[in-house]
Protein backbone atom coordinates (compact mmCIF):
# COMPACT_ATOMS: atom_id res chain seq x y z
CA UNK A 1 83.57 -108.88 95.27
CA UNK A 2 86.30 -106.24 95.15
CA UNK A 3 88.61 -105.15 97.92
CA UNK A 4 88.53 -101.56 99.09
CA UNK A 5 90.36 -99.34 101.53
CA UNK A 6 88.54 -99.14 104.88
CA UNK A 7 87.77 -95.73 106.38
CA UNK A 8 86.33 -94.50 109.64
CA UNK A 9 87.27 -94.34 113.30
CA UNK A 10 90.77 -95.72 113.93
CA UNK A 11 91.19 -96.60 110.26
CA UNK A 12 92.22 -92.97 109.79
CA UNK A 13 95.49 -93.65 111.60
CA UNK A 14 96.14 -97.42 111.46
CA UNK A 15 95.52 -100.33 109.12
CA UNK A 16 94.47 -102.88 111.75
CA UNK A 17 92.40 -101.33 114.54
CA UNK A 18 90.89 -104.71 115.33
CA UNK A 19 94.34 -106.08 116.19
CA UNK A 20 95.05 -103.06 118.38
CA UNK A 21 91.75 -103.70 120.17
CA UNK A 22 92.72 -107.30 120.88
CA UNK A 23 96.12 -106.27 122.22
CA UNK A 24 94.60 -103.61 124.48
CA UNK A 25 91.89 -105.99 125.64
CA UNK A 26 94.23 -108.80 126.66
CA UNK A 27 96.77 -106.43 128.18
CA UNK A 28 93.99 -104.95 130.29
CA UNK A 29 92.91 -108.43 131.31
CA UNK A 30 96.47 -109.28 132.34
CA UNK A 31 96.66 -106.11 134.42
CA UNK A 32 93.30 -106.86 136.04
CA UNK A 33 94.40 -110.43 136.78
CA UNK A 34 97.25 -109.05 138.92
CA UNK A 35 100.07 -111.49 138.81
CA UNK A 36 98.41 -114.47 137.19
CA UNK A 37 101.23 -115.72 134.94
CA UNK A 38 98.88 -117.29 132.42
CA UNK A 39 97.09 -113.97 131.82
CA UNK A 40 100.37 -112.13 131.29
CA UNK A 41 101.62 -114.90 129.01
CA UNK A 42 98.44 -114.77 126.95
CA UNK A 43 98.69 -110.98 126.56
CA UNK A 44 102.32 -111.31 125.49
CA UNK A 45 101.51 -114.15 123.10
CA UNK A 46 98.65 -112.17 121.57
CA UNK A 47 100.90 -109.15 121.04
CA UNK A 48 103.70 -111.25 119.54
CA UNK A 49 101.23 -112.89 117.17
CA UNK A 50 99.21 -109.87 116.08
CA UNK A 51 101.95 -107.27 115.57
CA UNK A 52 103.67 -109.22 112.75
CA UNK A 53 100.27 -109.95 111.22
CA UNK A 54 99.42 -106.24 111.33
CA UNK A 55 102.71 -105.38 109.61
CA UNK A 56 102.01 -107.99 106.93
CA UNK A 57 98.45 -106.72 106.51
CA UNK A 58 99.71 -103.14 106.18
CA UNK A 59 102.22 -104.21 103.53
CA UNK A 60 99.41 -105.92 101.61
CA UNK A 61 97.42 -102.68 101.55
CA UNK A 62 100.48 -100.77 100.34
CA UNK A 63 101.07 -103.29 97.54
CA UNK A 64 97.43 -103.59 96.52
CA UNK A 65 96.45 -99.89 96.55
CA UNK A 66 99.02 -97.42 95.18
CA UNK A 67 97.23 -94.48 96.83
CA UNK A 68 97.39 -96.13 100.26
CA UNK A 69 100.80 -94.64 101.08
CA UNK A 70 99.35 -91.14 100.85
CA UNK A 71 97.05 -91.91 103.79
CA UNK A 72 100.09 -92.04 106.12
CA UNK A 73 98.62 -94.83 108.25
CA UNK A 74 100.67 -97.00 110.57
CA UNK A 75 100.16 -100.76 110.87
CA UNK A 76 98.82 -101.25 114.40
CA UNK A 77 99.93 -98.64 116.94
CA UNK A 78 98.82 -95.09 116.07
CA UNK A 79 101.71 -92.78 115.11
CA UNK A 80 104.30 -95.43 116.09
CA UNK A 81 104.18 -98.80 114.29
């Protein structure tokens, strides 16, 4: 099977919307847990793990598809990173 550039929903602005969803989900859980150190640690750990992976994933798209740069997508955080 061949690789292709994904389109639709958040893919219009970022390369890894699934990673953004995980970060938002666990950050929300940490906020809802109100002061439980393990929840905050897990949210931080998730963010520190997924952001570098998103950057690496974005670089792979740029290397694999020459036209990808014209889409002006960010790696994980819309319009920022």
